[in-house]
N, C-alpha and C. Protein backbone atom coordinates (compact mmCIF):
# COMPACT_ATOMS: atom_id res chain seq x y z
N MET A 1 81.13 30.70 107.51
CA MET A 1 81.61 30.01 106.34
C MET A 1 80.52 29.10 105.82
N LYS A 2 80.26 29.21 104.55
CA LYS A 2 79.22 28.43 103.91
C LYS A 2 79.86 27.19 103.27
N VAL A 3 79.41 26.00 103.73
CA VAL A 3 79.97 24.74 103.25
C VAL A 3 78.85 23.93 102.61
N LEU A 4 79.00 23.66 101.32
CA LEU A 4 78.02 22.88 100.57
C LEU A 4 78.44 21.41 100.61
N VAL A 5 77.52 20.52 100.98
CA VAL A 5 77.81 19.09 101.10
C VAL A 5 76.99 18.35 100.05
N LEU A 6 77.70 17.70 99.11
CA LEU A 6 77.07 17.00 97.99
C LEU A 6 77.49 15.55 97.96
N GLY A 7 76.68 14.73 97.31
CA GLY A 7 77.00 13.32 97.13
C GLY A 7 75.74 12.55 96.81
N GLY A 8 75.91 11.28 96.51
CA GLY A 8 74.78 10.43 96.14
C GLY A 8 73.88 10.09 97.32
N ILE A 9 72.87 9.32 97.02
CA ILE A 9 71.89 8.89 98.02
C ILE A 9 72.53 7.85 98.94
N GLY A 10 72.38 8.04 100.24
CA GLY A 10 72.81 7.03 101.20
C GLY A 10 74.30 6.97 101.50
N VAL A 11 75.06 7.99 101.10
CA VAL A 11 76.50 7.96 101.36
C VAL A 11 76.85 8.44 102.76
N GLY A 12 75.90 9.05 103.45
CA GLY A 12 76.13 9.51 104.81
C GLY A 12 76.38 10.99 104.95
N LYS A 13 75.92 11.79 103.98
CA LYS A 13 76.11 13.25 104.06
C LYS A 13 75.46 13.82 105.31
N SER A 14 74.21 13.48 105.54
CA SER A 14 73.50 14.01 106.70
C SER A 14 74.11 13.53 108.00
N SER A 15 74.58 12.30 108.03
CA SER A 15 75.23 11.78 109.23
C SER A 15 76.55 12.51 109.49
N LEU A 16 77.29 12.81 108.42
CA LEU A 16 78.53 13.57 108.58
C LEU A 16 78.24 14.97 109.12
N VAL A 17 77.26 15.64 108.53
CA VAL A 17 76.91 16.99 108.99
C VAL A 17 76.47 16.94 110.45
N ALA A 18 75.68 15.95 110.80
CA ALA A 18 75.24 15.82 112.19
C ALA A 18 76.45 15.60 113.11
N ARG A 19 77.40 14.79 112.67
CA ARG A 19 78.61 14.54 113.45
C ARG A 19 79.44 15.82 113.56
N PHE A 20 79.56 16.57 112.46
CA PHE A 20 80.29 17.84 112.48
C PHE A 20 79.68 18.80 113.50
N CYS A 21 78.35 18.78 113.58
CA CYS A 21 77.64 19.71 114.45
C CYS A 21 77.36 19.13 115.84
N LYS A 22 78.03 18.01 116.12
CA LYS A 22 77.93 17.36 117.44
C LYS A 22 76.51 16.96 117.80
N GLN A 23 75.80 16.46 116.80
CA GLN A 23 74.44 15.98 117.02
C GLN A 23 74.41 14.47 116.81
N GLU A 24 73.28 13.86 117.05
CA GLU A 24 73.14 12.43 116.83
C GLU A 24 73.32 12.11 115.35
N THR A 25 73.87 10.95 115.05
CA THR A 25 74.08 10.57 113.66
C THR A 25 72.92 9.76 113.10
N ASP A 26 71.93 9.48 113.91
CA ASP A 26 70.76 8.74 113.44
C ASP A 26 69.81 9.73 112.79
N VAL A 27 70.00 9.96 111.49
CA VAL A 27 69.20 10.95 110.77
C VAL A 27 68.46 10.29 109.62
N SER A 28 67.41 10.96 109.17
CA SER A 28 66.65 10.44 108.04
C SER A 28 67.17 11.03 106.74
N HIS A 29 66.66 10.55 105.63
CA HIS A 29 67.09 11.06 104.32
C HIS A 29 66.67 12.52 104.17
N THR A 30 67.53 13.28 103.55
CA THR A 30 67.27 14.70 103.34
C THR A 30 66.37 14.89 102.13
N ILE A 31 65.38 15.71 102.28
CA ILE A 31 64.51 16.09 101.17
C ILE A 31 64.83 17.55 100.86
N GLY A 32 65.35 17.80 99.67
CA GLY A 32 65.73 19.17 99.30
C GLY A 32 67.07 19.53 99.89
N ILE A 33 67.08 20.59 100.69
CA ILE A 33 68.33 21.07 101.30
C ILE A 33 68.09 21.28 102.79
N ASP A 34 69.01 20.77 103.59
CA ASP A 34 68.95 20.95 105.04
C ASP A 34 70.14 21.81 105.46
N CYS A 35 69.94 22.64 106.44
CA CYS A 35 71.01 23.53 106.89
C CYS A 35 71.24 23.33 108.38
N LYS A 36 72.50 23.16 108.74
CA LYS A 36 72.88 23.06 110.15
C LYS A 36 74.12 23.91 110.35
N SER A 37 74.30 24.41 111.57
CA SER A 37 75.47 25.23 111.84
C SER A 37 76.16 24.78 113.11
N THR A 38 77.42 25.17 113.21
CA THR A 38 78.19 24.88 114.40
C THR A 38 79.28 25.93 114.56
N MET A 39 79.78 26.05 115.76
CA MET A 39 80.91 26.95 116.07
C MET A 39 82.05 26.06 116.53
N ILE A 40 83.22 26.26 115.94
CA ILE A 40 84.38 25.47 116.28
C ILE A 40 85.54 26.41 116.58
N THR A 41 86.25 26.14 117.65
CA THR A 41 87.39 26.96 118.03
C THR A 41 88.68 26.23 117.69
N ILE A 42 89.54 26.90 116.95
CA ILE A 42 90.86 26.38 116.64
C ILE A 42 91.86 27.49 116.95
N GLU A 43 92.81 27.17 117.83
CA GLU A 43 93.84 28.15 118.21
C GLU A 43 93.22 29.47 118.66
N GLN A 44 92.27 29.41 119.54
CA GLN A 44 91.57 30.57 120.10
C GLN A 44 90.85 31.42 119.06
N LYS A 45 90.61 30.86 117.89
CA LYS A 45 89.84 31.56 116.87
C LYS A 45 88.54 30.79 116.64
N VAL A 46 87.41 31.47 116.75
CA VAL A 46 86.11 30.83 116.60
C VAL A 46 85.68 30.89 115.14
N HIS A 47 85.25 29.75 114.63
CA HIS A 47 84.79 29.65 113.24
C HIS A 47 83.33 29.21 113.26
N HIS A 48 82.49 29.97 112.56
CA HIS A 48 81.08 29.61 112.43
C HIS A 48 80.89 28.96 111.07
N LEU A 49 80.46 27.71 111.07
CA LEU A 49 80.25 26.98 109.83
C LEU A 49 78.77 26.71 109.61
N MET A 50 78.31 27.01 108.40
CA MET A 50 76.94 26.70 107.98
C MET A 50 77.04 25.59 106.94
N PHE A 51 76.50 24.42 107.26
CA PHE A 51 76.54 23.29 106.34
C PHE A 51 75.21 23.21 105.59
N TYR A 52 75.29 23.22 104.27
CA TYR A 52 74.11 23.05 103.41
C TYR A 52 74.18 21.65 102.85
N ASP A 53 73.35 20.78 103.40
CA ASP A 53 73.30 19.37 103.06
C ASP A 53 72.26 19.19 101.95
N VAL A 54 72.73 18.88 100.75
CA VAL A 54 71.84 18.77 99.58
C VAL A 54 71.47 17.31 99.36
N SER A 55 70.20 17.06 99.16
CA SER A 55 69.73 15.71 98.89
C SER A 55 70.46 15.11 97.69
N GLY A 56 70.70 13.83 97.74
CA GLY A 56 71.38 13.14 96.64
C GLY A 56 70.49 12.84 95.45
N TYR A 57 69.20 13.11 95.56
CA TYR A 57 68.29 12.86 94.45
C TYR A 57 68.54 13.87 93.33
N ASP A 58 68.62 13.39 92.10
CA ASP A 58 68.90 14.25 90.95
C ASP A 58 67.87 15.36 90.77
N ALA A 59 66.66 15.15 91.25
CA ALA A 59 65.62 16.17 91.11
C ALA A 59 66.00 17.47 91.82
N TYR A 60 66.88 17.38 92.83
CA TYR A 60 67.27 18.56 93.59
C TYR A 60 68.56 19.20 93.08
N ARG A 61 69.12 18.66 92.01
CA ARG A 61 70.37 19.21 91.47
C ARG A 61 70.24 20.68 91.05
N PRO A 62 69.15 21.09 90.40
CA PRO A 62 69.02 22.52 90.05
C PRO A 62 69.04 23.45 91.27
N LEU A 63 68.47 23.01 92.39
CA LEU A 63 68.50 23.81 93.61
C LEU A 63 69.93 24.03 94.08
N MET A 64 70.74 22.98 93.97
CA MET A 64 72.11 23.03 94.44
C MET A 64 72.93 24.07 93.71
N LEU A 65 72.67 24.26 92.43
CA LEU A 65 73.47 25.19 91.64
C LEU A 65 73.43 26.61 92.19
N ASN A 66 72.34 26.98 92.82
CA ASN A 66 72.24 28.31 93.43
C ASN A 66 73.21 28.47 94.60
N TYR A 67 73.58 27.38 95.24
CA TYR A 67 74.44 27.43 96.41
C TYR A 67 75.93 27.32 96.08
N VAL A 68 76.26 26.74 94.92
CA VAL A 68 77.66 26.48 94.58
C VAL A 68 78.49 27.74 94.54
N TYR A 69 78.01 28.77 93.86
CA TYR A 69 78.83 29.94 93.59
C TYR A 69 79.09 30.80 94.82
N ASN A 70 78.29 30.67 95.84
CA ASN A 70 78.50 31.45 97.05
C ASN A 70 79.14 30.64 98.17
N SER A 71 79.57 29.43 97.87
CA SER A 71 80.12 28.56 98.91
C SER A 71 81.59 28.87 99.17
N ASP A 72 81.96 28.75 100.44
CA ASP A 72 83.37 28.89 100.81
C ASP A 72 84.11 27.57 100.63
N ALA A 73 83.39 26.47 100.73
CA ALA A 73 83.98 25.14 100.50
C ALA A 73 82.89 24.23 99.95
N ILE A 74 83.31 23.31 99.10
CA ILE A 74 82.39 22.31 98.57
C ILE A 74 82.92 20.94 98.97
N VAL A 75 82.10 20.21 99.71
CA VAL A 75 82.45 18.89 100.19
C VAL A 75 81.68 17.87 99.37
N LEU A 76 82.42 16.94 98.77
CA LEU A 76 81.81 15.87 97.99
C LEU A 76 82.02 14.56 98.75
N VAL A 77 80.93 13.86 99.03
CA VAL A 77 81.00 12.66 99.87
C VAL A 77 80.65 11.43 99.05
N TYR A 78 81.47 10.38 99.21
CA TYR A 78 81.16 9.09 98.62
C TYR A 78 81.29 8.02 99.70
N ASP A 79 80.67 6.89 99.46
CA ASP A 79 80.71 5.75 100.36
C ASP A 79 81.82 4.83 99.86
N ILE A 80 82.81 4.51 100.71
CA ILE A 80 83.94 3.70 100.25
C ILE A 80 83.52 2.28 99.88
N THR A 81 82.28 1.90 100.20
CA THR A 81 81.80 0.56 99.85
C THR A 81 80.95 0.57 98.58
N SER A 82 80.88 1.71 97.89
CA SER A 82 80.01 1.83 96.71
C SER A 82 80.72 2.50 95.54
N ARG A 83 80.98 1.76 94.49
CA ARG A 83 81.59 2.31 93.28
C ARG A 83 80.66 3.35 92.64
N THR A 84 79.36 3.10 92.68
CA THR A 84 78.39 4.02 92.10
C THR A 84 78.48 5.40 92.75
N SER A 85 78.60 5.43 94.07
CA SER A 85 78.67 6.72 94.77
C SER A 85 79.96 7.45 94.42
N PHE A 86 81.03 6.73 94.20
CA PHE A 86 82.30 7.35 93.81
C PHE A 86 82.20 7.93 92.41
N ASP A 87 81.59 7.18 91.49
CA ASP A 87 81.39 7.68 90.12
C ASP A 87 80.54 8.95 90.13
N TYR A 88 79.57 9.01 91.01
CA TYR A 88 78.71 10.18 91.17
C TYR A 88 79.54 11.40 91.57
N VAL A 89 80.46 11.21 92.51
CA VAL A 89 81.33 12.31 92.95
C VAL A 89 82.23 12.78 91.81
N ILE A 90 82.74 11.85 91.02
CA ILE A 90 83.59 12.22 89.88
C ILE A 90 82.78 13.08 88.88
N ARG A 91 81.53 12.71 88.64
CA ARG A 91 80.69 13.52 87.75
C ARG A 91 80.49 14.93 88.33
N TRP A 92 80.26 15.03 89.63
CA TRP A 92 80.12 16.33 90.27
C TRP A 92 81.40 17.13 90.14
N MET A 93 82.53 16.50 90.37
CA MET A 93 83.80 17.22 90.27
C MET A 93 83.99 17.77 88.87
N THR A 94 83.66 16.97 87.88
CA THR A 94 83.80 17.39 86.49
C THR A 94 82.96 18.63 86.21
N SER A 95 81.72 18.64 86.68
CA SER A 95 80.87 19.80 86.41
C SER A 95 81.24 21.01 87.27
N LEU A 96 81.76 20.80 88.46
CA LEU A 96 82.08 21.92 89.34
C LEU A 96 83.34 22.67 88.93
N VAL A 97 84.30 22.00 88.33
CA VAL A 97 85.54 22.68 88.00
C VAL A 97 85.48 23.40 86.66
N GLN A 98 84.44 23.17 85.87
CA GLN A 98 84.31 23.87 84.61
C GLN A 98 83.93 25.32 84.86
N GLY A 99 84.76 26.22 84.36
CA GLY A 99 84.46 27.65 84.49
C GLY A 99 84.95 28.28 85.77
N SER A 100 85.23 27.49 86.78
CA SER A 100 85.77 28.05 88.02
C SER A 100 86.76 27.05 88.60
N LYS A 101 87.48 27.51 89.57
CA LYS A 101 88.49 26.64 90.19
C LYS A 101 88.23 26.58 91.70
N PRO A 102 87.13 25.94 92.10
CA PRO A 102 86.85 25.90 93.53
C PRO A 102 87.77 24.92 94.25
N THR A 103 87.92 25.12 95.54
CA THR A 103 88.60 24.13 96.36
C THR A 103 87.57 23.08 96.73
N LEU A 104 87.89 21.85 96.42
CA LEU A 104 86.98 20.74 96.69
C LEU A 104 87.58 19.84 97.77
N ILE A 105 86.73 19.38 98.65
CA ILE A 105 87.14 18.43 99.68
C ILE A 105 86.34 17.16 99.43
N VAL A 106 87.04 16.09 99.07
CA VAL A 106 86.40 14.82 98.77
C VAL A 106 86.54 13.92 99.99
N ILE A 107 85.41 13.45 100.49
CA ILE A 107 85.40 12.62 101.69
C ILE A 107 84.91 11.22 101.36
N GLY A 108 85.74 10.25 101.66
CA GLY A 108 85.33 8.84 101.59
C GLY A 108 84.76 8.48 102.95
N ASN A 109 83.46 8.33 103.04
CA ASN A 109 82.79 8.03 104.31
C ASN A 109 82.69 6.52 104.51
N LYS A 110 82.46 6.13 105.73
CA LYS A 110 82.26 4.74 106.15
C LYS A 110 83.56 3.93 106.14
N ASN A 111 84.67 4.57 106.53
CA ASN A 111 85.93 3.84 106.56
C ASN A 111 85.98 2.83 107.71
N ASP A 112 84.91 2.74 108.48
CA ASP A 112 84.80 1.70 109.49
C ASP A 112 84.36 0.37 108.87
N LYS A 113 84.03 0.37 107.58
CA LYS A 113 83.59 -0.84 106.88
C LYS A 113 84.66 -1.29 105.88
N VAL A 114 85.89 -1.42 106.36
CA VAL A 114 87.00 -1.75 105.46
C VAL A 114 86.84 -3.11 104.80
N SER A 115 86.16 -4.04 105.44
CA SER A 115 85.98 -5.36 104.82
C SER A 115 85.07 -5.30 103.59
N GLU A 116 84.28 -4.23 103.48
CA GLU A 116 83.38 -4.06 102.33
C GLU A 116 83.89 -3.02 101.34
N ARG A 117 85.09 -2.53 101.55
CA ARG A 117 85.67 -1.46 100.74
C ARG A 117 85.68 -1.81 99.25
N ARG A 118 85.22 -0.83 98.44
CA ARG A 118 85.27 -0.96 96.97
C ARG A 118 86.17 0.12 96.36
N ILE A 119 86.37 1.22 97.10
CA ILE A 119 87.19 2.33 96.61
C ILE A 119 88.38 2.49 97.55
N LYS A 120 89.56 2.31 97.00
CA LYS A 120 90.78 2.50 97.78
C LYS A 120 91.14 3.98 97.77
N LEU A 121 91.81 4.42 98.82
CA LEU A 121 92.22 5.81 98.92
C LEU A 121 93.08 6.21 97.73
N LYS A 122 93.96 5.32 97.29
CA LYS A 122 94.83 5.66 96.15
C LYS A 122 94.03 5.85 94.87
N ASP A 123 92.90 5.15 94.71
CA ASP A 123 92.04 5.35 93.54
C ASP A 123 91.37 6.73 93.60
N ALA A 124 90.95 7.14 94.79
CA ALA A 124 90.35 8.46 94.95
C ALA A 124 91.37 9.55 94.67
N LEU A 125 92.60 9.36 95.14
CA LEU A 125 93.66 10.33 94.89
C LEU A 125 93.97 10.43 93.40
N LYS A 126 94.02 9.29 92.74
CA LYS A 126 94.30 9.26 91.30
C LYS A 126 93.21 10.01 90.53
N ALA A 127 91.96 9.77 90.89
CA ALA A 127 90.84 10.44 90.22
C ALA A 127 90.88 11.95 90.48
N ALA A 128 91.18 12.34 91.70
CA ALA A 128 91.22 13.76 92.05
C ALA A 128 92.37 14.47 91.36
N ASN A 129 93.44 13.77 91.11
CA ASN A 129 94.63 14.36 90.51
C ASN A 129 94.39 14.83 89.07
N GLN A 130 93.37 14.32 88.42
CA GLN A 130 93.10 14.70 87.03
C GLN A 130 92.49 16.09 86.89
N PHE A 131 92.06 16.69 88.00
CA PHE A 131 91.42 17.99 87.96
C PHE A 131 92.43 19.08 88.26
N ASP A 132 92.33 20.18 87.54
CA ASP A 132 93.25 21.30 87.69
C ASP A 132 92.72 22.28 88.73
N THR A 133 92.64 21.82 89.94
CA THR A 133 92.16 22.63 91.05
C THR A 133 92.68 22.02 92.34
N ASN A 134 92.53 22.73 93.44
CA ASN A 134 92.90 22.16 94.73
C ASN A 134 91.86 21.14 95.15
N VAL A 135 92.30 19.92 95.35
CA VAL A 135 91.41 18.86 95.80
C VAL A 135 92.04 18.21 97.02
N PHE A 136 91.27 18.11 98.07
CA PHE A 136 91.73 17.44 99.28
C PHE A 136 90.93 16.15 99.40
N VAL A 137 91.61 15.05 99.62
CA VAL A 137 90.97 13.75 99.72
C VAL A 137 91.23 13.20 101.11
N VAL A 138 90.18 12.79 101.78
CA VAL A 138 90.30 12.30 103.15
C VAL A 138 89.22 11.25 103.39
N GLU A 139 89.50 10.32 104.30
CA GLU A 139 88.51 9.31 104.67
C GLU A 139 88.15 9.49 106.13
N CYS A 140 86.90 9.15 106.44
CA CYS A 140 86.43 9.23 107.83
C CYS A 140 85.22 8.31 107.99
N SER A 141 84.65 8.32 109.17
CA SER A 141 83.43 7.55 109.42
C SER A 141 82.47 8.37 110.26
N ALA A 142 81.32 8.64 109.69
CA ALA A 142 80.28 9.33 110.47
C ALA A 142 79.73 8.38 111.52
N GLY A 143 79.77 7.09 111.24
CA GLY A 143 79.23 6.09 112.17
C GLY A 143 79.96 6.04 113.50
N ASN A 144 81.29 5.94 113.45
CA ASN A 144 82.05 5.82 114.70
C ASN A 144 82.84 7.08 115.04
N GLY A 145 82.77 8.10 114.19
CA GLY A 145 83.43 9.37 114.48
C GLY A 145 84.90 9.43 114.11
N ASP A 146 85.41 8.38 113.48
CA ASP A 146 86.82 8.33 113.09
C ASP A 146 87.18 9.48 112.16
N ASN A 147 88.17 10.27 112.54
CA ASN A 147 88.75 11.34 111.73
C ASN A 147 87.81 12.52 111.46
N ILE A 148 86.74 12.64 112.20
CA ILE A 148 85.81 13.76 112.01
C ILE A 148 86.49 15.09 112.29
N ARG A 149 87.26 15.17 113.37
CA ARG A 149 87.94 16.43 113.69
C ARG A 149 88.96 16.80 112.62
N GLY A 150 89.66 15.82 112.07
CA GLY A 150 90.63 16.10 111.00
C GLY A 150 89.95 16.67 109.78
N VAL A 151 88.79 16.13 109.43
CA VAL A 151 88.03 16.63 108.29
C VAL A 151 87.56 18.06 108.56
N LEU A 152 87.07 18.32 109.75
CA LEU A 152 86.63 19.67 110.10
C LEU A 152 87.78 20.67 110.02
N ASP A 153 88.95 20.27 110.48
CA ASP A 153 90.10 21.16 110.40
C ASP A 153 90.43 21.52 108.96
N ILE A 154 90.35 20.55 108.06
CA ILE A 154 90.62 20.80 106.64
C ILE A 154 89.56 21.73 106.06
N ILE A 155 88.30 21.47 106.38
CA ILE A 155 87.21 22.32 105.88
C ILE A 155 87.40 23.76 106.35
N ILE A 156 87.69 23.93 107.63
CA ILE A 156 87.87 25.28 108.17
C ILE A 156 89.04 25.98 107.50
N ARG A 157 90.15 25.29 107.39
CA ARG A 157 91.34 25.89 106.78
C ARG A 157 91.05 26.31 105.35
N GLU A 158 90.35 25.47 104.60
CA GLU A 158 90.08 25.79 103.20
C GLU A 158 88.94 26.78 103.03
N ALA A 159 87.91 26.68 103.86
CA ALA A 159 86.79 27.61 103.75
C ALA A 159 87.19 29.02 104.13
N SER A 160 88.13 29.15 105.05
CA SER A 160 88.57 30.48 105.46
C SER A 160 89.52 31.09 104.44
N ARG A 161 90.04 30.24 103.55
CA ARG A 161 90.98 30.69 102.51
C ARG A 161 92.09 31.54 103.11
N ASP A 162 92.56 31.11 104.26
CA ASP A 162 93.62 31.82 104.96
C ASP A 162 94.94 31.54 104.26
N THR A 163 95.48 32.54 103.58
CA THR A 163 96.73 32.33 102.86
C THR A 163 97.91 32.20 103.81
N ASN A 164 97.76 32.69 105.03
CA ASN A 164 98.83 32.54 106.01
C ASN A 164 98.44 31.42 106.97
N ILE A 165 98.63 30.20 106.53
CA ILE A 165 98.23 29.04 107.33
C ILE A 165 98.94 29.04 108.67
N GLU A 166 100.15 29.56 108.72
CA GLU A 166 100.91 29.54 109.96
C GLU A 166 100.25 30.36 111.06
N ALA A 167 99.33 31.25 110.69
CA ALA A 167 98.64 32.03 111.71
C ALA A 167 97.80 31.12 112.60
N CYS A 168 97.30 30.04 112.05
CA CYS A 168 96.48 29.11 112.82
C CYS A 168 97.23 27.83 113.17
N TYR A 169 98.16 27.43 112.36
CA TYR A 169 98.85 26.16 112.54
C TYR A 169 100.34 26.36 112.28
N SER A 170 101.14 25.68 113.02
CA SER A 170 102.56 25.66 112.67
C SER A 170 102.74 24.62 111.58
N ILE A 171 103.80 24.73 110.81
CA ILE A 171 104.06 23.76 109.74
C ILE A 171 104.16 22.35 110.32
N ARG A 172 104.78 22.20 111.47
CA ARG A 172 104.90 20.88 112.09
C ARG A 172 103.52 20.30 112.39
N GLU A 173 102.60 21.14 112.91
CA GLU A 173 101.25 20.67 113.21
C GLU A 173 100.52 20.25 111.94
N ILE A 174 100.71 21.01 110.86
CA ILE A 174 100.05 20.67 109.60
C ILE A 174 100.56 19.33 109.09
N LYS A 175 101.86 19.17 109.07
CA LYS A 175 102.42 17.89 108.59
C LYS A 175 101.93 16.74 109.45
N GLY A 176 101.91 16.94 110.77
CA GLY A 176 101.41 15.89 111.66
C GLY A 176 99.94 15.61 111.42
N GLN A 177 99.16 16.66 111.19
CA GLN A 177 97.73 16.49 110.92
C GLN A 177 97.52 15.69 109.64
N LEU A 178 98.27 16.04 108.61
CA LEU A 178 98.08 15.37 107.34
C LEU A 178 98.41 13.90 107.46
N GLN A 179 99.44 13.57 108.22
CA GLN A 179 99.78 12.17 108.41
C GLN A 179 98.75 11.47 109.26
N ASN A 180 98.27 12.13 110.31
CA ASN A 180 97.33 11.51 111.23
C ASN A 180 95.92 11.41 110.67
N THR A 181 95.55 12.28 109.74
CA THR A 181 94.18 12.30 109.26
C THR A 181 94.02 11.63 107.90
N GLN A 182 95.06 11.04 107.38
CA GLN A 182 95.03 10.39 106.07
C GLN A 182 94.62 11.36 104.98
N CYS A 183 94.95 12.62 105.15
CA CYS A 183 94.63 13.62 104.15
C CYS A 183 95.81 13.77 103.21
N VAL A 184 95.53 13.84 101.95
CA VAL A 184 96.59 14.06 100.98
C VAL A 184 96.19 15.23 100.12
N ILE A 185 97.09 16.20 99.97
CA ILE A 185 96.83 17.33 99.11
C ILE A 185 97.28 16.96 97.72
N VAL A 186 96.37 17.02 96.77
CA VAL A 186 96.69 16.63 95.39
C VAL A 186 96.94 17.86 94.56
């Protein structure tokens, strides 16, 4: 499964990808596009995920466009302590939904810094609700690992585009996951 990870500079995209792939989160800034992969087992089914971590610098935006159309999931990351990073994600969402209806997963990173919070979850949900596509909004922390597994489960479920969700999850498990992972389907 090809997962494209987008967002502004310094929001923690590379740290999230490193956390997803069970690597150290002490990473440097991405120049261009970085690719990492991992294998995750859910309900005795192995999923191979390829994460394409795109630099937040605008100069690399044309490179990213080549990856959008072949992606199984597009993850947009913002920093909950930065209004600018959230506005950046909204601009990306606007351009991504024109002409196609991709499933987008919006991640508010750094939820371990609640005292510095600038973007509330309800504001992210409200913004996501304006788009006529499937948008999943979730918060996590690459720094302390909070809710990383919940985010991965959402990415896998959406990237696989499995129309029979019950094959991997019972409805009770899904409802419990959504409550436990602060994920809201808009």
